[in-house]
Amino acid sequence: MLAQGRGEHSLEVQLPFLQRVLDNFQLVPIVVADQSWNNVKVLGEALARVLKGKNALIVASSDLSHYHSYSTAYRMDEPIQEYFEKFKYEDLIYACEDQVIEACGYGPIAAMLYACSLMGYNKSKVLKYATSGDIPGGDKSQVVGYMSGVVYR
């Protein structure tokens, strides 16, 4: 499990899901405070080296855009989906650092993509994108974006 820095809550969100869908597993939570490309690159290389040839699941967890209007969130989060599907992990980092797009855990997403690419996983697919405004009766004036995706061979 890769997560972003201080006050991070993705483990408490993801753990019940993992416990429900996986029978017996070990978890190594990693919190990423420094999301710079240099740090992400080192982490991605370390993950690839340690996990290569093993039966492992890398989960990167992050919200996307925060508290924008519904239409703005969809527009802002579209590039993230493209970066994910095209393995543009460096572009993802720089776009977040330049505040063109938003993802609290952009470093973990990029590290996961980079590690997977080093291990020969070269396909990815966005499974679902939605915002908090997509729920029935959801407030569309200030939403948070969410995406799920998978990387595979």
N, C-alpha and C. Protein backbone atom coordinates (compact mmCIF):
# COMPACT_ATOMS: atom_id res chain seq x y z
N MET A 1 0.85 -1.16 0.00
CA MET A 1 0.00 0.00 0.00
C MET A 1 0.89 1.23 0.00
N LEU A 2 0.75 2.05 -1.00
CA LEU A 2 1.49 3.30 -1.08
C LEU A 2 0.54 4.44 -0.76
N ALA A 3 0.95 5.33 0.07
CA ALA A 3 0.11 6.46 0.45
C ALA A 3 0.96 7.71 0.56
N GLN A 4 0.29 8.85 0.56
CA GLN A 4 0.97 10.13 0.69
C GLN A 4 1.22 10.41 2.16
N GLY A 5 1.92 11.49 2.49
CA GLY A 5 2.46 11.84 3.79
C GLY A 5 1.56 11.98 5.01
N ARG A 6 1.91 12.90 5.88
CA ARG A 6 1.30 13.08 7.21
C ARG A 6 -0.22 13.14 7.18
N GLY A 7 -0.82 12.57 8.21
CA GLY A 7 -2.27 12.60 8.32
C GLY A 7 -2.96 11.71 7.30
N GLU A 8 -2.20 10.86 6.68
CA GLU A 8 -2.73 10.01 5.61
C GLU A 8 -3.74 9.02 6.15
N HIS A 9 -4.83 8.85 5.44
CA HIS A 9 -5.89 7.95 5.89
C HIS A 9 -6.21 6.85 4.89
N SER A 10 -5.43 6.69 3.83
CA SER A 10 -5.78 5.70 2.81
C SER A 10 -5.71 4.27 3.34
N LEU A 11 -4.82 3.99 4.29
CA LEU A 11 -4.73 2.64 4.83
C LEU A 11 -6.04 2.24 5.50
N GLU A 12 -6.60 3.14 6.29
CA GLU A 12 -7.85 2.80 6.97
C GLU A 12 -9.01 2.67 5.98
N VAL A 13 -8.90 3.29 4.81
CA VAL A 13 -9.92 3.17 3.78
C VAL A 13 -9.73 1.88 2.98
N GLN A 14 -8.49 1.57 2.63
CA GLN A 14 -8.21 0.43 1.75
C GLN A 14 -8.16 -0.91 2.49
N LEU A 15 -7.72 -0.93 3.74
CA LEU A 15 -7.54 -2.19 4.46
C LEU A 15 -8.82 -3.04 4.55
N PRO A 16 -9.97 -2.48 4.90
CA PRO A 16 -11.18 -3.32 4.94
C PRO A 16 -11.51 -3.96 3.59
N PHE A 17 -11.28 -3.21 2.51
CA PHE A 17 -11.51 -3.76 1.17
C PHE A 17 -10.56 -4.93 0.90
N LEU A 18 -9.28 -4.73 1.20
CA LEU A 18 -8.30 -5.80 0.99
C LEU A 18 -8.62 -7.03 1.83
N GLN A 19 -9.03 -6.82 3.06
CA GLN A 19 -9.39 -7.93 3.94
C GLN A 19 -10.60 -8.69 3.39
N ARG A 20 -11.48 -7.99 2.74
CA ARG A 20 -12.69 -8.62 2.19
C ARG A 20 -12.40 -9.44 0.94
N VAL A 21 -11.50 -8.94 0.07
CA VAL A 21 -11.29 -9.60 -1.22
C VAL A 21 -10.08 -10.54 -1.26
N LEU A 22 -9.16 -10.42 -0.32
CA LEU A 22 -7.99 -11.28 -0.30
C LEU A 22 -8.07 -12.21 0.90
N ASP A 23 -7.80 -13.49 0.67
CA ASP A 23 -7.90 -14.46 1.76
C ASP A 23 -6.81 -14.26 2.81
N ASN A 24 -5.59 -14.49 2.42
CA ASN A 24 -4.47 -14.45 3.34
C ASN A 24 -3.40 -13.58 2.70
N PHE A 25 -3.04 -12.48 3.33
CA PHE A 25 -2.05 -11.60 2.72
C PHE A 25 -1.23 -10.90 3.79
N GLN A 26 -0.08 -10.45 3.35
CA GLN A 26 0.77 -9.61 4.18
C GLN A 26 0.75 -8.22 3.58
N LEU A 27 0.82 -7.22 4.42
CA LEU A 27 0.73 -5.84 3.98
C LEU A 27 1.98 -5.08 4.40
N VAL A 28 2.53 -4.34 3.47
CA VAL A 28 3.65 -3.45 3.76
C VAL A 28 3.20 -2.04 3.40
N PRO A 29 2.73 -1.26 4.38
CA PRO A 29 2.32 0.11 4.07
C PRO A 29 3.53 1.01 3.88
N ILE A 30 3.46 1.84 2.86
CA ILE A 30 4.52 2.81 2.57
C ILE A 30 3.89 4.18 2.48
N VAL A 31 4.39 5.12 3.25
CA VAL A 31 3.90 6.50 3.20
C VAL A 31 4.96 7.33 2.49
N VAL A 32 4.53 8.12 1.52
CA VAL A 32 5.44 8.92 0.71
C VAL A 32 5.22 10.40 1.02
N ALA A 33 6.17 11.00 1.70
CA ALA A 33 6.07 12.44 2.02
C ALA A 33 6.69 13.28 0.91
N ASP A 34 7.85 12.88 0.42
CA ASP A 34 8.54 13.59 -0.66
C ASP A 34 8.13 12.95 -1.98
N GLN A 35 7.28 13.64 -2.74
CA GLN A 35 6.74 13.08 -3.97
C GLN A 35 7.49 13.55 -5.22
N SER A 36 8.71 14.03 -5.04
CA SER A 36 9.51 14.47 -6.18
C SER A 36 9.85 13.28 -7.08
N TRP A 37 10.14 13.57 -8.35
CA TRP A 37 10.47 12.51 -9.29
C TRP A 37 11.67 11.69 -8.80
N ASN A 38 12.69 12.33 -8.24
CA ASN A 38 13.87 11.58 -7.77
C ASN A 38 13.48 10.57 -6.70
N ASN A 39 12.65 10.95 -5.76
CA ASN A 39 12.23 10.04 -4.70
C ASN A 39 11.32 8.94 -5.26
N VAL A 40 10.40 9.32 -6.12
CA VAL A 40 9.48 8.35 -6.73
C VAL A 40 10.27 7.32 -7.55
N LYS A 41 11.27 7.77 -8.26
CA LYS A 41 12.09 6.88 -9.08
C LYS A 41 12.80 5.85 -8.20
N VAL A 42 13.39 6.29 -7.12
CA VAL A 42 14.08 5.38 -6.20
C VAL A 42 13.09 4.37 -5.61
N LEU A 43 11.92 4.84 -5.21
CA LEU A 43 10.91 3.95 -4.65
C LEU A 43 10.43 2.95 -5.70
N GLY A 44 10.14 3.41 -6.89
CA GLY A 44 9.69 2.52 -7.96
C GLY A 44 10.71 1.45 -8.28
N GLU A 45 11.97 1.83 -8.34
CA GLU A 45 13.05 0.86 -8.61
C GLU A 45 13.17 -0.14 -7.48
N ALA A 46 13.06 0.32 -6.25
CA ALA A 46 13.14 -0.59 -5.09
C ALA A 46 11.97 -1.57 -5.10
N LEU A 47 10.78 -1.08 -5.36
CA LEU A 47 9.61 -1.97 -5.43
C LEU A 47 9.78 -3.01 -6.52
N ALA A 48 10.22 -2.60 -7.69
CA ALA A 48 10.41 -3.53 -8.79
C ALA A 48 11.45 -4.59 -8.44
N ARG A 49 12.53 -4.18 -7.81
CA ARG A 49 13.60 -5.11 -7.43
C ARG A 49 13.09 -6.13 -6.40
N VAL A 50 12.36 -5.68 -5.42
CA VAL A 50 11.89 -6.56 -4.34
C VAL A 50 10.73 -7.44 -4.79
N LEU A 51 9.86 -6.93 -5.64
CA LEU A 51 8.64 -7.65 -6.01
C LEU A 51 8.73 -8.47 -7.29
N LYS A 52 9.76 -8.28 -8.07
CA LYS A 52 9.88 -8.98 -9.36
C LYS A 52 9.78 -10.49 -9.14
N GLY A 53 8.88 -11.12 -9.88
CA GLY A 53 8.71 -12.56 -9.80
C GLY A 53 7.87 -13.04 -8.63
N LYS A 54 7.39 -12.12 -7.83
CA LYS A 54 6.57 -12.49 -6.67
C LYS A 54 5.09 -12.23 -6.96
N ASN A 55 4.24 -12.93 -6.25
CA ASN A 55 2.80 -12.71 -6.36
C ASN A 55 2.45 -11.55 -5.43
N ALA A 56 2.38 -10.36 -5.99
CA ALA A 56 2.19 -9.16 -5.18
C ALA A 56 1.18 -8.23 -5.83
N LEU A 57 0.54 -7.46 -5.01
CA LEU A 57 -0.40 -6.44 -5.44
C LEU A 57 0.10 -5.10 -4.91
N ILE A 58 0.25 -4.14 -5.79
CA ILE A 58 0.63 -2.78 -5.37
C ILE A 58 -0.63 -1.93 -5.46
N VAL A 59 -1.00 -1.33 -4.35
CA VAL A 59 -2.17 -0.45 -4.31
C VAL A 59 -1.68 0.97 -4.05
N ALA A 60 -1.99 1.88 -4.94
CA ALA A 60 -1.69 3.29 -4.73
C ALA A 60 -3.02 3.99 -4.52
N SER A 61 -3.14 4.72 -3.45
CA SER A 61 -4.43 5.32 -3.09
C SER A 61 -4.31 6.84 -3.00
N SER A 62 -5.25 7.52 -3.64
CA SER A 62 -5.25 8.98 -3.62
C SER A 62 -6.61 9.51 -4.02
N ASP A 63 -6.98 10.65 -3.46
CA ASP A 63 -8.09 11.43 -4.01
C ASP A 63 -7.52 12.15 -5.23
N LEU A 64 -8.41 12.67 -6.05
CA LEU A 64 -7.96 13.49 -7.18
C LEU A 64 -8.33 14.94 -6.86
N SER A 65 -8.99 15.64 -7.76
CA SER A 65 -9.29 17.05 -7.53
C SER A 65 -10.15 17.24 -6.29
N HIS A 66 -9.99 18.38 -5.66
CA HIS A 66 -10.68 18.67 -4.39
C HIS A 66 -11.49 19.97 -4.47
N TYR A 67 -12.77 19.88 -4.16
CA TYR A 67 -13.64 21.02 -3.89
C TYR A 67 -13.80 22.01 -5.05
N HIS A 68 -13.79 21.45 -6.25
CA HIS A 68 -14.11 22.26 -7.43
C HIS A 68 -15.54 21.92 -7.85
N SER A 69 -16.06 22.67 -8.77
CA SER A 69 -17.39 22.33 -9.30
C SER A 69 -17.30 20.99 -10.03
N TYR A 70 -18.44 20.39 -10.21
CA TYR A 70 -18.53 19.09 -10.86
C TYR A 70 -17.85 19.10 -12.24
N SER A 71 -18.18 20.09 -13.06
CA SER A 71 -17.61 20.14 -14.42
C SER A 71 -16.11 20.43 -14.38
N THR A 72 -15.67 21.26 -13.47
CA THR A 72 -14.23 21.55 -13.34
C THR A 72 -13.47 20.30 -12.92
N ALA A 73 -14.02 19.55 -11.98
CA ALA A 73 -13.36 18.33 -11.52
C ALA A 73 -13.19 17.34 -12.66
N TYR A 74 -14.25 17.14 -13.43
CA TYR A 74 -14.15 16.21 -14.57
C TYR A 74 -13.08 16.67 -15.55
N ARG A 75 -13.02 17.96 -15.81
CA ARG A 75 -12.03 18.51 -16.74
C ARG A 75 -10.62 18.37 -16.17
N MET A 76 -10.45 18.67 -14.88
CA MET A 76 -9.13 18.59 -14.25
C MET A 76 -8.61 17.15 -14.15
N ASP A 77 -9.51 16.22 -13.91
CA ASP A 77 -9.10 14.84 -13.67
C ASP A 77 -8.92 14.03 -14.95
N GLU A 78 -9.36 14.55 -16.06
CA GLU A 78 -9.19 13.83 -17.33
C GLU A 78 -7.72 13.55 -17.66
N PRO A 79 -6.81 14.53 -17.51
CA PRO A 79 -5.40 14.24 -17.80
C PRO A 79 -4.82 13.14 -16.91
N ILE A 80 -5.25 13.06 -15.67
CA ILE A 80 -4.74 12.02 -14.78
C ILE A 80 -5.07 10.64 -15.35
N GLN A 81 -6.27 10.51 -15.87
CA GLN A 81 -6.67 9.24 -16.46
C GLN A 81 -5.79 8.91 -17.67
N GLU A 82 -5.49 9.90 -18.47
CA GLU A 82 -4.61 9.70 -19.62
C GLU A 82 -3.19 9.34 -19.18
N TYR A 83 -2.66 10.06 -18.20
CA TYR A 83 -1.32 9.75 -17.70
C TYR A 83 -1.27 8.31 -17.20
N PHE A 84 -2.32 7.90 -16.51
CA PHE A 84 -2.38 6.54 -15.97
C PHE A 84 -2.38 5.52 -17.11
N GLU A 85 -3.23 5.71 -18.09
CA GLU A 85 -3.36 4.72 -19.16
C GLU A 85 -2.16 4.70 -20.10
N LYS A 86 -1.40 5.77 -20.14
CA LYS A 86 -0.23 5.82 -21.03
C LYS A 86 1.09 5.75 -20.27
N PHE A 87 1.03 5.41 -18.98
CA PHE A 87 2.23 5.28 -18.14
C PHE A 87 3.08 6.55 -18.15
N LYS A 88 2.46 7.69 -18.16
CA LYS A 88 3.17 8.97 -18.15
C LYS A 88 3.35 9.42 -16.71
N TYR A 89 4.12 8.65 -15.94
CA TYR A 89 4.28 8.91 -14.52
C TYR A 89 5.04 10.20 -14.25
N GLU A 90 6.02 10.52 -15.07
CA GLU A 90 6.74 11.79 -14.87
C GLU A 90 5.83 12.98 -15.16
N ASP A 91 5.04 12.89 -16.23
CA ASP A 91 4.11 13.97 -16.56
C ASP A 91 3.10 14.18 -15.44
N LEU A 92 2.66 13.09 -14.83
CA LEU A 92 1.73 13.16 -13.70
C LEU A 92 2.34 13.96 -12.56
N ILE A 93 3.58 13.65 -12.23
CA ILE A 93 4.26 14.35 -11.14
C ILE A 93 4.39 15.84 -11.44
N TYR A 94 4.88 16.16 -12.63
CA TYR A 94 5.13 17.57 -12.94
C TYR A 94 3.82 18.36 -13.05
N ALA A 95 2.76 17.76 -13.58
CA ALA A 95 1.48 18.45 -13.67
C ALA A 95 0.91 18.72 -12.28
N CYS A 96 1.11 17.79 -11.35
CA CYS A 96 0.65 18.02 -9.97
C CYS A 96 1.52 19.06 -9.28
N GLU A 97 2.82 18.98 -9.46
CA GLU A 97 3.71 19.96 -8.85
C GLU A 97 3.43 21.37 -9.37
N ASP A 98 3.05 21.48 -10.66
CA ASP A 98 2.72 22.78 -11.25
C ASP A 98 1.27 23.18 -10.97
N GLN A 99 0.55 22.37 -10.23
CA GLN A 99 -0.83 22.60 -9.84
C GLN A 99 -1.78 22.75 -11.03
N VAL A 100 -1.44 22.05 -12.12
CA VAL A 100 -2.33 21.99 -13.28
C VAL A 100 -3.44 20.99 -13.00
N ILE A 101 -3.09 19.92 -12.30
CA ILE A 101 -4.05 18.91 -11.87
C ILE A 101 -3.81 18.65 -10.39
N GLU A 102 -4.72 17.90 -9.77
CA GLU A 102 -4.60 17.63 -8.34
C GLU A 102 -4.75 16.14 -8.06
N ALA A 103 -3.87 15.64 -7.22
CA ALA A 103 -3.96 14.29 -6.66
C ALA A 103 -3.07 14.31 -5.43
N CYS A 104 -3.65 14.12 -4.27
CA CYS A 104 -2.85 14.16 -3.03
C CYS A 104 -1.70 13.16 -3.08
N GLY A 105 -1.97 11.99 -3.61
CA GLY A 105 -0.97 10.93 -3.66
C GLY A 105 -0.44 10.68 -5.05
N TYR A 106 -0.07 11.76 -5.74
CA TYR A 106 0.46 11.59 -7.09
C TYR A 106 1.78 10.82 -7.10
N GLY A 107 2.59 10.99 -6.07
CA GLY A 107 3.86 10.26 -6.00
C GLY A 107 3.66 8.76 -5.90
N PRO A 108 2.79 8.29 -5.01
CA PRO A 108 2.53 6.86 -4.95
C PRO A 108 1.97 6.30 -6.26
N ILE A 109 1.09 7.05 -6.92
CA ILE A 109 0.56 6.58 -8.20
C ILE A 109 1.70 6.44 -9.21
N ALA A 110 2.54 7.45 -9.27
CA ALA A 110 3.67 7.42 -10.21
C ALA A 110 4.66 6.31 -9.86
N ALA A 111 4.93 6.10 -8.58
CA ALA A 111 5.85 5.03 -8.16
C ALA A 111 5.31 3.66 -8.54
N MET A 112 4.01 3.47 -8.36
CA MET A 112 3.38 2.21 -8.72
C MET A 112 3.47 1.98 -10.23
N LEU A 113 3.16 3.01 -11.02
CA LEU A 113 3.24 2.87 -12.47
C LEU A 113 4.67 2.57 -12.92
N TYR A 114 5.63 3.28 -12.35
CA TYR A 114 7.02 3.09 -12.72
C TYR A 114 7.49 1.69 -12.33
N ALA A 115 7.19 1.25 -11.12
CA ALA A 115 7.58 -0.10 -10.68
C ALA A 115 6.97 -1.15 -11.59
N CYS A 116 5.70 -1.00 -11.90
CA CYS A 116 5.04 -1.97 -12.77
C CYS A 116 5.68 -2.01 -14.15
N SER A 117 6.02 -0.85 -14.69
CA SER A 117 6.65 -0.81 -16.00
C SER A 117 8.01 -1.51 -15.98
N LEU A 118 8.75 -1.35 -14.89
CA LEU A 118 10.05 -2.03 -14.77
C LEU A 118 9.90 -3.54 -14.67
N MET A 119 8.76 -4.01 -14.17
CA MET A 119 8.52 -5.44 -14.04
C MET A 119 7.81 -6.04 -15.26
N GLY A 120 7.63 -5.23 -16.31
CA GLY A 120 7.05 -5.75 -17.54
C GLY A 120 5.54 -5.64 -17.64
N TYR A 121 4.93 -4.94 -16.70
CA TYR A 121 3.49 -4.70 -16.79
C TYR A 121 3.31 -3.42 -17.58
N ASN A 122 2.85 -3.56 -18.82
CA ASN A 122 2.86 -2.42 -19.71
C ASN A 122 1.47 -2.00 -20.20
N LYS A 123 0.44 -2.52 -19.58
CA LYS A 123 -0.92 -2.14 -19.95
C LYS A 123 -1.63 -1.61 -18.70
N SER A 124 -2.48 -0.64 -18.91
CA SER A 124 -3.27 -0.11 -17.80
C SER A 124 -4.62 0.33 -18.33
N LYS A 125 -5.57 0.35 -17.44
CA LYS A 125 -6.92 0.73 -17.83
C LYS A 125 -7.61 1.42 -16.65
N VAL A 126 -8.23 2.53 -16.94
CA VAL A 126 -9.08 3.17 -15.95
C VAL A 126 -10.37 2.36 -15.90
N LEU A 127 -10.72 1.89 -14.72
CA LEU A 127 -11.93 1.09 -14.56
C LEU A 127 -13.15 1.96 -14.30
N LYS A 128 -12.96 3.02 -13.53
CA LYS A 128 -14.09 3.89 -13.18
C LYS A 128 -13.56 5.24 -12.74
N TYR A 129 -14.22 6.28 -13.18
CA TYR A 129 -13.98 7.63 -12.68
C TYR A 129 -15.32 8.18 -12.23
N ALA A 130 -15.32 8.85 -11.11
CA ALA A 130 -16.53 9.50 -10.60
C ALA A 130 -16.11 10.59 -9.62
N THR A 131 -17.07 11.38 -9.24
CA THR A 131 -16.84 12.38 -8.20
C THR A 131 -17.85 12.16 -7.08
N SER A 132 -17.62 12.83 -5.99
CA SER A 132 -18.56 12.75 -4.87
C SER A 132 -19.92 13.30 -5.28
N GLY A 133 -19.99 14.10 -6.34
CA GLY A 133 -21.26 14.62 -6.83
C GLY A 133 -22.06 13.62 -7.64
N ASP A 134 -21.47 12.46 -7.94
CA ASP A 134 -22.16 11.44 -8.73
C ASP A 134 -23.11 10.57 -7.91
N ILE A 135 -23.03 10.65 -6.60
CA ILE A 135 -23.95 9.85 -5.80
C ILE A 135 -25.34 10.47 -5.87
N PRO A 136 -26.39 9.68 -5.70
CA PRO A 136 -27.74 10.25 -5.74
C PRO A 136 -27.89 11.39 -4.72
N GLY A 137 -28.32 12.52 -5.20
CA GLY A 137 -28.48 13.69 -4.34
C GLY A 137 -27.18 14.40 -4.00
N GLY A 138 -26.08 14.00 -4.67
CA GLY A 138 -24.77 14.57 -4.37
C GLY A 138 -24.68 16.04 -4.73
N ASP A 139 -24.00 16.78 -3.89
CA ASP A 139 -23.77 18.21 -4.12
C ASP A 139 -22.75 18.35 -5.24
N LYS A 140 -23.11 19.05 -6.29
CA LYS A 140 -22.21 19.20 -7.43
C LYS A 140 -21.44 20.52 -7.41
N SER A 141 -21.60 21.30 -6.35
CA SER A 141 -20.91 22.60 -6.29
C SER A 141 -19.46 22.46 -5.85
N GLN A 142 -19.17 21.49 -4.99
CA GLN A 142 -17.80 21.24 -4.53
C GLN A 142 -17.62 19.74 -4.39
N VAL A 143 -16.92 19.15 -5.34
CA VAL A 143 -16.78 17.70 -5.36
C VAL A 143 -15.33 17.27 -5.20
N VAL A 144 -15.14 15.99 -4.95
CA VAL A 144 -13.81 15.37 -4.93
C VAL A 144 -13.82 14.28 -5.98
N GLY A 145 -12.74 14.20 -6.77
CA GLY A 145 -12.65 13.22 -7.84
C GLY A 145 -12.00 11.94 -7.37
N TYR A 146 -12.45 10.82 -7.93
CA TYR A 146 -11.92 9.49 -7.60
C TYR A 146 -11.78 8.67 -8.88
N MET A 147 -10.79 7.82 -8.92
CA MET A 147 -10.58 6.95 -10.07
C MET A 147 -10.07 5.61 -9.58
N SER A 148 -10.50 4.55 -10.24
CA SER A 148 -9.88 3.25 -9.99
C SER A 148 -9.31 2.76 -11.31
N GLY A 149 -8.21 2.07 -11.21
CA GLY A 149 -7.56 1.56 -12.42
C GLY A 149 -6.75 0.33 -12.10
N VAL A 150 -6.34 -0.34 -13.14
CA VAL A 150 -5.56 -1.56 -12.99
C VAL A 150 -4.40 -1.55 -13.98
N VAL A 151 -3.28 -2.12 -13.55
CA VAL A 151 -2.11 -2.29 -14.41
C VAL A 151 -1.91 -3.78 -14.57
N TYR A 152 -1.62 -4.21 -15.80
CA TYR A 152 -1.51 -5.63 -16.09
C TYR A 152 -0.56 -5.87 -17.26
N ARG A 153 -0.34 -7.15 -17.56
CA ARG A 153 0.51 -7.50 -18.73
C ARG A 153 -0.35 -7.76 -19.94
